[in-house]
All heavy atoms as atom14 arrays in JSON, in Angstrom:
{
  "sequence": "RVAESAARAARRPRLETASEVMATIAPLDAA",
  "atom14_mask": [
    [1, 1, 1, 1, 1, 1, 1, 1, 1, 1, 1, 0, 0, 0],
    [1, 1, 1, 1, 1, 1, 1, 0, 0, 0, 0, 0, 0, 0],
    [1, 1, 1, 1, 1, 0, 0, 0, 0, 0, 0, 0, 0, 0],
    [1, 1, 1, 1, 1, 1, 1, 1, 1, 0, 0, 0, 0, 0],
    [1, 1, 1, 1, 1, 1, 0, 0, 0, 0, 0, 0, 0, 0],
    [1, 1, 1, 1, 1, 0, 0, 0, 0, 0, 0, 0, 0, 0],
    [1, 1, 1, 1, 1, 0, 0, 0, 0, 0, 0, 0, 0, 0],
    [1, 1, 1, 1, 1, 1, 1, 1, 1, 1, 1, 0, 0, 0],
    [1, 1, 1, 1, 1, 0, 0, 0, 0, 0, 0, 0, 0, 0],
    [1, 1, 1, 1, 1, 0, 0, 0, 0, 0, 0, 0, 0, 0],
    [1, 1, 1, 1, 1, 1, 1, 1, 1, 1, 1, 0, 0, 0],
    [1, 1, 1, 1, 1, 1, 1, 1, 1, 1, 1, 0, 0, 0],
    [1, 1, 1, 1, 1, 1, 1, 0, 0, 0, 0, 0, 0, 0],
    [1, 1, 1, 1, 1, 1, 1, 1, 1, 1, 1, 0, 0, 0],
    [1, 1, 1, 1, 1, 1, 1, 1, 0, 0, 0, 0, 0, 0],
    [1, 1, 1, 1, 1, 1, 1, 1, 1, 0, 0, 0, 0, 0],
    [1, 1, 1, 1, 1, 1, 1, 0, 0, 0, 0, 0, 0, 0],
    [1, 1, 1, 1, 1, 0, 0, 0, 0, 0, 0, 0, 0, 0],
    [1, 1, 1, 1, 1, 1, 0, 0, 0, 0, 0, 0, 0, 0],
    [1, 1, 1, 1, 1, 1, 1, 1, 1, 0, 0, 0, 0, 0],
    [1, 1, 1, 1, 1, 1, 1, 0, 0, 0, 0, 0, 0, 0],
    [1, 1, 1, 1, 1, 1, 1, 1, 0, 0, 0, 0, 0, 0],
    [1, 1, 1, 1, 1, 0, 0, 0, 0, 0, 0, 0, 0, 0],
    [1, 1, 1, 1, 1, 1, 1, 0, 0, 0, 0, 0, 0, 0],
    [1, 1, 1, 1, 1, 1, 1, 1, 0, 0, 0, 0, 0, 0],
    [1, 1, 1, 1, 1, 0, 0, 0, 0, 0, 0, 0, 0, 0],
    [1, 1, 1, 1, 1, 1, 1, 0, 0, 0, 0, 0, 0, 0],
    [1, 1, 1, 1, 1, 1, 1, 1, 0, 0, 0, 0, 0, 0],
    [1, 1, 1, 1, 1, 1, 1, 1, 0, 0, 0, 0, 0, 0],
    [1, 1, 1, 1, 1, 0, 0, 0, 0, 0, 0, 0, 0, 0],
    [1, 1, 1, 1, 1, 0, 0, 0, 0, 0, 0, 0, 0, 0]
  ],
  "atom14_positions": [
    [[15.8, -17.62, 3.08], [15.53, -16.4, 2.42], [14.0, -15.87, 2.51], [13.79, -14.64, 2.66], [15.91, -16.52, 0.94], [15.72, -15.32, 0.01], [16.09, -15.57, -1.39], [15.73, -14.42, -2.28], [15.83, -14.5, -3.68], [16.27, -15.5, -4.2], [15.44, -13.37, -4.37], [0.0, 0.0, 0.0], [0.0, 0.0, 0.0], [0.0, 0.0, 0.0]],
    [[13.22, -16.91, 2.37], [11.68, -16.53, 2.44], [11.37, -16.2, 3.84], [10.61, -15.27, 3.91], [10.89, -17.74, 1.97], [9.35, -17.52, 2.31], [11.25, -18.02, 0.48], [0.0, 0.0, 0.0], [0.0, 0.0, 0.0], [0.0, 0.0, 0.0], [0.0, 0.0, 0.0], [0.0, 0.0, 0.0], [0.0, 0.0, 0.0], [0.0, 0.0, 0.0]],
    [[11.86, -16.82, 4.71], [11.6, -16.53, 6.08], [12.0, -15.11, 6.67], [11.26, -14.27, 7.21], [12.08, -17.57, 7.1], [0.0, 0.0, 0.0], [0.0, 0.0, 0.0], [0.0, 0.0, 0.0], [0.0, 0.0, 0.0], [0.0, 0.0, 0.0], [0.0, 0.0, 0.0], [0.0, 0.0, 0.0], [0.0, 0.0, 0.0], [0.0, 0.0, 0.0]],
    [[13.2, -14.76, 6.08], [13.7, -13.48, 6.48], [12.9, -12.36, 5.57], [12.67, -11.32, 6.16], [15.18, -13.35, 6.03], [16.1, -14.16, 6.89], [17.67, -14.24, 6.47], [17.92, -13.77, 5.33], [18.36, -14.72, 7.34], [0.0, 0.0, 0.0], [0.0, 0.0, 0.0], [0.0, 0.0, 0.0], [0.0, 0.0, 0.0], [0.0, 0.0, 0.0]],
    [[12.66, -12.6, 4.43], [11.75, -11.66, 3.67], [10.4, -11.44, 4.33], [9.94, -10.32, 4.39], [11.68, -12.25, 2.2], [12.89, -12.09, 1.55], [0.0, 0.0, 0.0], [0.0, 0.0, 0.0], [0.0, 0.0, 0.0], [0.0, 0.0, 0.0], [0.0, 0.0, 0.0], [0.0, 0.0, 0.0], [0.0, 0.0, 0.0], [0.0, 0.0, 0.0]],
    [[9.84, -12.55, 4.72], [8.5, -12.5, 5.32], [8.52, -11.67, 6.69], [7.7, -10.8, 6.97], [8.03, -13.85, 5.68], [0.0, 0.0, 0.0], [0.0, 0.0, 0.0], [0.0, 0.0, 0.0], [0.0, 0.0, 0.0], [0.0, 0.0, 0.0], [0.0, 0.0, 0.0], [0.0, 0.0, 0.0], [0.0, 0.0, 0.0], [0.0, 0.0, 0.0]],
    [[9.66, -11.88, 7.37], [9.89, -11.04, 8.75], [9.91, -9.63, 8.4], [9.43, -8.82, 9.14], [11.02, -11.67, 9.53], [0.0, 0.0, 0.0], [0.0, 0.0, 0.0], [0.0, 0.0, 0.0], [0.0, 0.0, 0.0], [0.0, 0.0, 0.0], [0.0, 0.0, 0.0], [0.0, 0.0, 0.0], [0.0, 0.0, 0.0], [0.0, 0.0, 0.0]],
    [[10.76, -9.26, 7.34], [10.94, -7.91, 7.07], [9.53, -7.24, 6.47], [9.04, -6.17, 6.91], [11.89, -7.74, 5.92], [13.33, -7.95, 6.3], [14.17, -8.04, 5.09], [14.12, -6.78, 4.27], [14.32, -6.86, 2.9], [14.71, -7.87, 2.14], [14.2, -5.66, 2.17], [0.0, 0.0, 0.0], [0.0, 0.0, 0.0], [0.0, 0.0, 0.0]],
    [[8.83, -8.05, 5.75], [7.59, -7.61, 5.06], [6.55, -7.23, 6.07], [5.74, -6.32, 6.08], [7.11, -8.59, 3.97], [0.0, 0.0, 0.0], [0.0, 0.0, 0.0], [0.0, 0.0, 0.0], [0.0, 0.0, 0.0], [0.0, 0.0, 0.0], [0.0, 0.0, 0.0], [0.0, 0.0, 0.0], [0.0, 0.0, 0.0], [0.0, 0.0, 0.0]],
    [[6.37, -8.17, 7.19], [5.43, -8.03, 8.23], [5.58, -6.69, 8.9], [4.63, -6.29, 9.5], [5.57, -9.36, 9.1], [0.0, 0.0, 0.0], [0.0, 0.0, 0.0], [0.0, 0.0, 0.0], [0.0, 0.0, 0.0], [0.0, 0.0, 0.0], [0.0, 0.0, 0.0], [0.0, 0.0, 0.0], [0.0, 0.0, 0.0], [0.0, 0.0, 0.0]],
    [[6.8, -6.23, 8.94], [7.08, -4.91, 9.73], [6.85, -3.65, 8.83], [6.93, -2.58, 9.39], [8.53, -4.9, 10.15], [8.83, -6.07, 11.29], [10.12, -5.7, 11.94], [11.22, -5.9, 10.96], [11.98, -6.89, 10.77], [11.53, -8.13, 11.26], [13.02, -6.98, 9.93], [0.0, 0.0, 0.0], [0.0, 0.0, 0.0], [0.0, 0.0, 0.0]],
    [[6.38, -3.84, 7.61], [6.25, -2.67, 6.83], [4.97, -2.14, 6.86], [3.97, -2.75, 7.16], [6.67, -3.07, 5.22], [8.01, -3.66, 5.17], [9.0, -2.92, 5.77], [9.1, -1.57, 5.35], [9.67, -0.46, 6.06], [10.13, -0.72, 7.2], [9.73, 0.7, 5.52], [0.0, 0.0, 0.0], [0.0, 0.0, 0.0], [0.0, 0.0, 0.0]],
    [[4.82, -0.83, 6.51], [3.49, -0.22, 6.75], [2.33, -0.81, 5.82], [2.69, -1.36, 4.82], [3.8, 1.29, 6.34], [5.07, 1.1, 5.44], [5.78, 0.12, 5.86], [0.0, 0.0, 0.0], [0.0, 0.0, 0.0], [0.0, 0.0, 0.0], [0.0, 0.0, 0.0], [0.0, 0.0, 0.0], [0.0, 0.0, 0.0], [0.0, 0.0, 0.0]],
    [[1.1, -0.61, 6.21], [-0.05, -0.99, 5.51], [-1.01, 0.23, 5.2], [-0.7, 1.34, 5.79], [-0.86, -2.13, 6.19], [-0.03, -3.28, 6.44], [-0.99, -4.46, 6.95], [-0.21, -5.7, 7.25], [-0.01, -6.29, 8.38], [-0.45, -5.77, 9.5], [0.7, -7.39, 8.53], [0.0, 0.0, 0.0], [0.0, 0.0, 0.0], [0.0, 0.0, 0.0]],
    [[-1.89, 0.09, 4.22], [-2.83, 1.04, 4.13], [-3.63, 1.31, 5.3], [-4.11, 0.39, 5.96], [-3.71, 0.74, 2.82], [-2.96, 0.52, 1.52], [-3.94, -0.03, 0.53], [-2.44, 1.8, 0.99], [0.0, 0.0, 0.0], [0.0, 0.0, 0.0], [0.0, 0.0, 0.0], [0.0, 0.0, 0.0], [0.0, 0.0, 0.0], [0.0, 0.0, 0.0]],
    [[-3.86, 2.61, 5.65], [-4.47, 2.96, 6.86], [-5.82, 3.79, 6.69], [-6.54, 3.88, 7.77], [-3.49, 3.55, 7.86], [-2.41, 2.69, 8.32], [-1.44, 3.49, 9.24], [-1.65, 4.69, 9.51], [-0.68, 2.82, 9.8], [0.0, 0.0, 0.0], [0.0, 0.0, 0.0], [0.0, 0.0, 0.0], [0.0, 0.0, 0.0], [0.0, 0.0, 0.0]],
    [[-5.95, 4.23, 5.61], [-7.2, 5.22, 5.47], [-7.86, 4.86, 4.17], [-7.36, 4.36, 3.21], [-6.76, 6.69, 5.35], [-6.05, 6.92, 4.26], [-5.99, 7.08, 6.58], [0.0, 0.0, 0.0], [0.0, 0.0, 0.0], [0.0, 0.0, 0.0], [0.0, 0.0, 0.0], [0.0, 0.0, 0.0], [0.0, 0.0, 0.0], [0.0, 0.0, 0.0]],
    [[-9.22, 5.25, 4.21], [-9.9, 5.02, 2.95], [-9.44, 5.78, 1.78], [-9.31, 5.23, 0.61], [-11.36, 5.47, 3.15], [0.0, 0.0, 0.0], [0.0, 0.0, 0.0], [0.0, 0.0, 0.0], [0.0, 0.0, 0.0], [0.0, 0.0, 0.0], [0.0, 0.0, 0.0], [0.0, 0.0, 0.0], [0.0, 0.0, 0.0], [0.0, 0.0, 0.0]],
    [[-8.85, 6.98, 2.03], [-8.33, 7.69, 0.87], [-7.06, 7.1, 0.36], [-6.83, 7.05, -0.94], [-8.0, 9.06, 1.36], [-7.1, 9.11, 2.38], [0.0, 0.0, 0.0], [0.0, 0.0, 0.0], [0.0, 0.0, 0.0], [0.0, 0.0, 0.0], [0.0, 0.0, 0.0], [0.0, 0.0, 0.0], [0.0, 0.0, 0.0], [0.0, 0.0, 0.0]],
    [[-6.24, 6.37, 1.17], [-5.07, 5.64, 0.69], [-5.64, 4.41, -0.23], [-5.0, 4.24, -1.17], [-4.34, 5.18, 1.85], [-3.49, 6.31, 2.55], [-2.74, 5.81, 3.77], [-2.95, 4.73, 4.15], [-1.81, 6.47, 4.17], [0.0, 0.0, 0.0], [0.0, 0.0, 0.0], [0.0, 0.0, 0.0], [0.0, 0.0, 0.0], [0.0, 0.0, 0.0]],
    [[-6.56, 3.78, 0.27], [-7.04, 2.61, -0.4], [-7.64, 2.97, -1.79], [-7.32, 2.33, -2.81], [-8.16, 1.84, 0.52], [-8.78, 0.65, -0.46], [-7.53, 1.23, 1.7], [0.0, 0.0, 0.0], [0.0, 0.0, 0.0], [0.0, 0.0, 0.0], [0.0, 0.0, 0.0], [0.0, 0.0, 0.0], [0.0, 0.0, 0.0], [0.0, 0.0, 0.0]],
    [[-8.32, 4.06, -1.81], [-8.93, 4.41, -2.95], [-8.27, 5.25, -3.95], [-8.79, 5.73, -5.02], [-10.3, 5.21, -2.68], [-11.25, 4.32, -1.9], [-12.6, 5.25, -1.11], [-13.51, 5.88, -2.54], [0.0, 0.0, 0.0], [0.0, 0.0, 0.0], [0.0, 0.0, 0.0], [0.0, 0.0, 0.0], [0.0, 0.0, 0.0], [0.0, 0.0, 0.0]],
    [[-7.11, 5.63, -3.58], [-6.25, 6.65, -4.39], [-6.11, 6.26, -5.88], [-5.98, 7.27, -6.7], [-4.9, 6.84, -3.72], [0.0, 0.0, 0.0], [0.0, 0.0, 0.0], [0.0, 0.0, 0.0], [0.0, 0.0, 0.0], [0.0, 0.0, 0.0], [0.0, 0.0, 0.0], [0.0, 0.0, 0.0], [0.0, 0.0, 0.0], [0.0, 0.0, 0.0]],
    [[-6.16, 5.1, -6.2], [-5.91, 4.66, -7.68], [-7.12, 4.16, -8.26], [-7.01, 3.66, -9.49], [-4.87, 3.5, -7.64], [-5.38, 2.36, -6.92], [-3.56, 3.98, -7.02], [0.0, 0.0, 0.0], [0.0, 0.0, 0.0], [0.0, 0.0, 0.0], [0.0, 0.0, 0.0], [0.0, 0.0, 0.0], [0.0, 0.0, 0.0], [0.0, 0.0, 0.0]],
    [[-8.28, 4.33, -7.7], [-9.53, 3.75, -8.38], [-9.82, 4.67, -9.55], [-10.29, 4.2, -10.69], [-10.64, 3.8, -7.48], [-10.51, 2.65, -6.28], [-12.04, 3.5, -8.07], [-11.51, 2.53, -5.32], [0.0, 0.0, 0.0], [0.0, 0.0, 0.0], [0.0, 0.0, 0.0], [0.0, 0.0, 0.0], [0.0, 0.0, 0.0], [0.0, 0.0, 0.0]],
    [[-9.71, 6.04, -9.39], [-10.4, 6.89, -10.43], [-9.44, 8.12, -10.59], [-9.67, 9.15, -10.22], [-11.65, 7.45, -9.98], [0.0, 0.0, 0.0], [0.0, 0.0, 0.0], [0.0, 0.0, 0.0], [0.0, 0.0, 0.0], [0.0, 0.0, 0.0], [0.0, 0.0, 0.0], [0.0, 0.0, 0.0], [0.0, 0.0, 0.0], [0.0, 0.0, 0.0]],
    [[-8.12, 7.85, -11.18], [-7.27, 8.96, -11.54], [-7.93, 9.96, -12.47], [-8.57, 9.71, -13.42], [-6.13, 8.2, -12.22], [-6.57, 7.0, -12.65], [-7.73, 6.46, -11.84], [0.0, 0.0, 0.0], [0.0, 0.0, 0.0], [0.0, 0.0, 0.0], [0.0, 0.0, 0.0], [0.0, 0.0, 0.0], [0.0, 0.0, 0.0], [0.0, 0.0, 0.0]],
    [[-7.59, 11.23, -12.06], [-8.28, 12.35, -12.93], [-7.4, 13.55, -12.93], [-7.08, 14.13, -11.86], [-9.63, 12.68, -12.45], [-10.37, 13.93, -13.24], [-10.6, 13.5, -14.6], [-11.51, 14.43, -12.55], [0.0, 0.0, 0.0], [0.0, 0.0, 0.0], [0.0, 0.0, 0.0], [0.0, 0.0, 0.0], [0.0, 0.0, 0.0], [0.0, 0.0, 0.0]],
    [[-6.82, 13.84, -14.12], [-6.19, 15.15, -14.41], [-7.07, 15.99, -15.15], [-7.02, 15.89, -16.48], [-4.78, 14.86, -14.95], [-4.03, 16.17, -15.09], [-4.57, 17.26, -15.18], [-2.81, 16.06, -15.35], [0.0, 0.0, 0.0], [0.0, 0.0, 0.0], [0.0, 0.0, 0.0], [0.0, 0.0, 0.0], [0.0, 0.0, 0.0], [0.0, 0.0, 0.0]],
    [[-7.97, 16.77, -14.65], [-9.06, 17.41, -15.29], [-8.44, 18.41, -16.4], [-8.96, 18.54, -17.53], [-9.93, 17.97, -14.31], [0.0, 0.0, 0.0], [0.0, 0.0, 0.0], [0.0, 0.0, 0.0], [0.0, 0.0, 0.0], [0.0, 0.0, 0.0], [0.0, 0.0, 0.0], [0.0, 0.0, 0.0], [0.0, 0.0, 0.0], [0.0, 0.0, 0.0]],
    [[-7.41, 19.12, -15.96], [-6.75, 20.06, -16.9], [-6.18, 19.39, -18.2], [-6.46, 19.87, -19.25], [-5.67, 20.82, -16.18], [0.0, 0.0, 0.0], [0.0, 0.0, 0.0], [0.0, 0.0, 0.0], [0.0, 0.0, 0.0], [0.0, 0.0, 0.0], [0.0, 0.0, 0.0], [0.0, 0.0, 0.0], [0.0, 0.0, 0.0], [0.0, 0.0, 0.0]]
  ]
}
């Protein structure tokens, strides 16, 4: 079960841009 899950997970996308990485640092709904 763990090996199959690891194989699936390794194929899944990762964060690729600084904006994606930083998206949750400083949430702001100014209105």
